[in-house]
Amino acid sequence: MLLFGRETTTDEMVTFQMDRLLALTADMERVRRGVPPEAMAGDAAPILDRWILAQRAVPCLAGLSTGHPRLVGQDRLIATTDLWLLSEDRTWARTLSRWYRLGRPAEQSGLDA
């Protein structure tokens, strides 16, 4: 997640994250077209031995949503997709799926902890 605004975001930080996402998107397009991983990564890909499928927590938001295009209702309790951008003044957030206008924070938001 990038905290954005006048004081906190640098071009270098944004460019780094954009480049990562663009590379992922390009690889997804190649997979869709049937390009095998060997042709994309070759011998440069590291080996991951004795691996397991795992899960980890990622930043997201939870709260009462109104006006969501897919989760219809007023004051509907939701959790968002991965949080990518949060404005310094905590009025805007961009998740993997969409922008959110942020209202009042909950009593214990954990943002500045």
C-alpha atoms as a PDB file:
ATOM      1  CA  MET A   1       0.000   0.000   0.000  1.00  0.00           C
ATOM      2  CA  LEU A   2       1.247   3.481  -0.831  1.00  0.00           C
ATOM      3  CA  LEU A   3       0.310   6.412   1.358  1.00  0.00           C
ATOM      4  CA  PHE A   4      -0.142   9.270  -1.104  1.00  0.00           C
ATOM      5  CA  GLY A   5      -0.257  13.034  -0.830  1.00  0.00           C
ATOM      6  CA  ARG A   6       2.084  15.995  -1.000  1.00  0.00           C
ATOM      7  CA  GLU A   7       4.328  14.919   1.859  1.00  0.00           C
ATOM      8  CA  THR A   8       4.660  11.166   1.565  1.00  0.00           C
ATOM      9  CA  THR A   9       4.743   9.830  -1.988  1.00  0.00           C
ATOM     10  CA  THR A  10       7.800   9.925  -4.209  1.00  0.00           C
ATOM     11  CA  ASP A  11       7.914   9.276  -7.949  1.00  0.00           C
ATOM     12  CA  GLU A  12      10.364   6.468  -7.259  1.00  0.00           C
ATOM     13  CA  MET A  13       7.908   4.643  -4.960  1.00  0.00           C
ATOM     14  CA  VAL A  14       5.012   4.964  -7.396  1.00  0.00           C
ATOM     15  CA  THR A  15       7.147   3.980 -10.380  1.00  0.00           C
ATOM     16  CA  PHE A  16       8.435   0.880  -8.578  1.00  0.00           C
ATOM     17  CA  GLN A  17       4.919  -0.348  -7.786  1.00  0.00           C
ATOM     18  CA  MET A  18       3.608   0.510 -11.248  1.00  0.00           C
ATOM     19  CA  ASP A  19       6.450  -1.385 -12.902  1.00  0.00           C
ATOM     20  CA  ARG A  20       5.712  -4.457 -10.757  1.00  0.00           C
ATOM     21  CA  LEU A  21       2.027  -4.368 -11.670  1.00  0.00           C
ATOM     22  CA  LEU A  22       2.744  -3.782 -15.363  1.00  0.00           C
ATOM     23  CA  ALA A  23       5.122  -6.762 -15.411  1.00  0.00           C
ATOM     24  CA  LEU A  24       2.505  -8.966 -13.740  1.00  0.00           C
ATOM     25  CA  THR A  25      -0.165  -7.800 -16.199  1.00  0.00           C
ATOM     26  CA  ALA A  26       2.135  -8.491 -19.148  1.00  0.00           C
ATOM     27  CA  ASP A  27       2.854 -12.015 -17.872  1.00  0.00           C
ATOM     28  CA  MET A  28      -0.860 -12.659 -17.340  1.00  0.00           C
ATOM     29  CA  GLU A  29      -1.513 -11.617 -20.935  1.00  0.00           C
ATOM     30  CA  ARG A  30       1.229 -13.964 -22.155  1.00  0.00           C
ATOM     31  CA  VAL A  31      -0.253 -16.851 -20.130  1.00  0.00           C
ATOM     32  CA  ARG A  32      -3.656 -16.101 -21.656  1.00  0.00           C
ATOM     33  CA  ARG A  33      -2.074 -16.353 -25.107  1.00  0.00           C
ATOM     34  CA  GLY A  34      -0.518 -19.708 -24.210  1.00  0.00           C
ATOM     35  CA  VAL A  35       3.117 -18.669 -23.748  1.00  0.00           C
ATOM     36  CA  PRO A  36       4.774 -21.221 -21.428  1.00  0.00           C
ATOM     37  CA  PRO A  37       6.521 -20.006 -18.246  1.00  0.00           C
ATOM     38  CA  GLU A  38       9.846 -21.376 -19.524  1.00  0.00           C
ATOM     39  CA  ALA A  39       9.712 -18.905 -22.423  1.00  0.00           C
ATOM     40  CA  MET A  40       9.034 -15.986 -20.073  1.00  0.00           C
ATOM     41  CA  ALA A  41      11.378 -16.752 -17.151  1.00  0.00           C
ATOM     42  CA  GLY A  42      13.926 -19.178 -18.593  1.00  0.00           C
ATOM     43  CA  ASP A  43      16.804 -20.286 -16.393  1.00  0.00           C
ATOM     44  CA  ALA A  44      16.774 -16.983 -14.485  1.00  0.00           C
ATOM     45  CA  ALA A  45      13.815 -18.018 -12.301  1.00  0.00           C
ATOM     46  CA  PRO A  46      14.811 -19.075  -8.774  1.00  0.00           C
ATOM     47  CA  ILE A  47      13.916 -22.538  -7.536  1.00  0.00           C
ATOM     48  CA  LEU A  48      11.519 -22.868  -4.610  1.00  0.00           C
ATOM     49  CA  ASP A  49      12.019 -26.263  -2.998  1.00  0.00           C
ATOM     50  CA  ARG A  50       9.873 -28.004  -0.357  1.00  0.00           C
ATOM     51  CA  TRP A  51       7.188 -25.405  -0.989  1.00  0.00           C
ATOM     52  CA  ILE A  52       3.653 -25.243   0.359  1.00  0.00           C
ATOM     53  CA  LEU A  53       0.641 -23.196  -0.597  1.00  0.00           C
ATOM     54  CA  ALA A  54       0.256 -20.525   2.093  1.00  0.00           C
ATOM     55  CA  GLN A  55      -1.806 -17.425   2.792  1.00  0.00           C
ATOM     56  CA  ARG A  56      -0.847 -14.099   4.286  1.00  0.00           C
ATOM     57  CA  ALA A  57      -2.691 -11.041   5.390  1.00  0.00           C
ATOM     58  CA  VAL A  58      -2.681  -7.995   3.125  1.00  0.00           C
ATOM     59  CA  PRO A  59      -3.873  -4.467   3.933  1.00  0.00           C
ATOM     60  CA  CYS A  60      -7.538  -3.869   3.169  1.00  0.00           C
ATOM     61  CA  LEU A  61     -10.369  -1.775   4.547  1.00  0.00           C
ATOM     62  CA  ALA A  62     -13.555  -2.849   6.278  1.00  0.00           C
ATOM     63  CA  GLY A  63     -16.538  -0.670   6.985  1.00  0.00           C
ATOM     64  CA  LEU A  64     -20.078   0.268   6.106  1.00  0.00           C
ATOM     65  CA  SER A  65     -20.481   0.710   2.353  1.00  0.00           C
ATOM     66  CA  THR A  66     -23.118   2.731   0.523  1.00  0.00           C
ATOM     67  CA  GLY A  67     -23.269   2.969  -3.258  1.00  0.00           C
ATOM     68  CA  HIS A  68     -21.012   0.005  -4.055  1.00  0.00           C
ATOM     69  CA  PRO A  69     -21.664  -1.209  -7.608  1.00  0.00           C
ATOM     70  CA  ARG A  70     -21.568  -4.923  -6.714  1.00  0.00           C
ATOM     71  CA  LEU A  71     -22.322  -5.035  -2.978  1.00  0.00           C
ATOM     72  CA  VAL A  72     -25.616  -3.212  -3.084  1.00  0.00           C
ATOM     73  CA  GLY A  73     -27.185  -1.627  -0.037  1.00  0.00           C
ATOM     74  CA  GLN A  74     -26.804   1.193   2.427  1.00  0.00           C
ATOM     75  CA  ASP A  75     -24.407   0.841   5.376  1.00  0.00           C
ATOM     76  CA  ARG A  76     -23.582  -2.708   4.258  1.00  0.00           C
ATOM     77  CA  LEU A  77     -20.649  -4.217   6.158  1.00  0.00           C
ATOM     78  CA  ILE A  78     -17.912  -5.134   3.667  1.00  0.00           C
ATOM     79  CA  ALA A  79     -14.199  -5.852   3.432  1.00  0.00           C
ATOM     80  CA  THR A  80     -12.403  -4.469   0.395  1.00  0.00           C
ATOM     81  CA  THR A  81      -9.884  -6.052  -1.912  1.00  0.00           C
ATOM     82  CA  ASP A  82      -6.168  -5.331  -1.306  1.00  0.00           C
ATOM     83  CA  LEU A  83      -5.509  -1.716  -0.331  1.00  0.00           C
ATOM     84  CA  TRP A  84      -2.996  -0.039  -2.673  1.00  0.00           C
ATOM     85  CA  LEU A  85      -3.330   3.717  -2.058  1.00  0.00           C
ATOM     86  CA  LEU A  86      -4.438   5.788   0.934  1.00  0.00           C
ATOM     87  CA  SER A  87      -4.457   9.591   0.939  1.00  0.00           C
ATOM     88  CA  GLU A  88      -2.525  11.317   3.716  1.00  0.00           C
ATOM     89  CA  ASP A  89      -5.682  13.036   4.905  1.00  0.00           C
ATOM     90  CA  ARG A  90      -7.502   9.665   4.980  1.00  0.00           C
ATOM     91  CA  THR A  91     -10.307  10.834   2.662  1.00  0.00           C
ATOM     92  CA  TRP A  92      -9.561   8.593  -0.354  1.00  0.00           C
ATOM     93  CA  ALA A  93      -8.475   4.983  -0.799  1.00  0.00           C
ATOM     94  CA  ARG A  94      -7.727   2.915  -3.905  1.00  0.00           C
ATOM     95  CA  THR A  95      -8.086  -0.829  -3.631  1.00  0.00           C
ATOM     96  CA  LEU A  96      -7.280  -3.377  -6.285  1.00  0.00           C
ATOM     97  CA  SER A  97     -10.873  -3.041  -7.516  1.00  0.00           C
ATOM     98  CA  ARG A  98     -11.851   0.618  -7.156  1.00  0.00           C
ATOM     99  CA  TRP A  99     -11.629   4.013  -5.460  1.00  0.00           C
ATOM    100  CA  TYR A 100     -13.462   4.663  -2.184  1.00  0.00           C
ATOM    101  CA  ARG A 101     -14.405   7.979  -0.610  1.00  0.00           C
ATOM    102  CA  LEU A 102     -13.703   7.568   3.077  1.00  0.00           C
ATOM    103  CA  GLY A 103     -16.095   8.822   5.704  1.00  0.00           C
ATOM    104  CA  ARG A 104     -15.506   8.748   9.443  1.00  0.00           C
ATOM    105  CA  PRO A 105     -12.925   6.244  10.704  1.00  0.00           C
ATOM    106  CA  ALA A 106     -13.937   3.598  13.217  1.00  0.00           C
ATOM    107  CA  GLU A 107     -12.957   4.084  16.838  1.00  0.00           C
ATOM    108  CA  GLN A 108      -9.865   1.838  16.482  1.00  0.00           C
ATOM    109  CA  SER A 109      -8.655   2.025  12.852  1.00  0.00           C
ATOM    110  CA  GLY A 110      -5.063   0.896  13.471  1.00  0.00           C
ATOM    111  CA  LEU A 111      -3.768   3.193  10.695  1.00  0.00           C
ATOM    112  CA  ASP A 112      -1.354   5.122  12.876  1.00  0.00           C
ATOM    113  CA  ALA A 113      -0.543   2.422  15.402  1.00  0.00           C
END
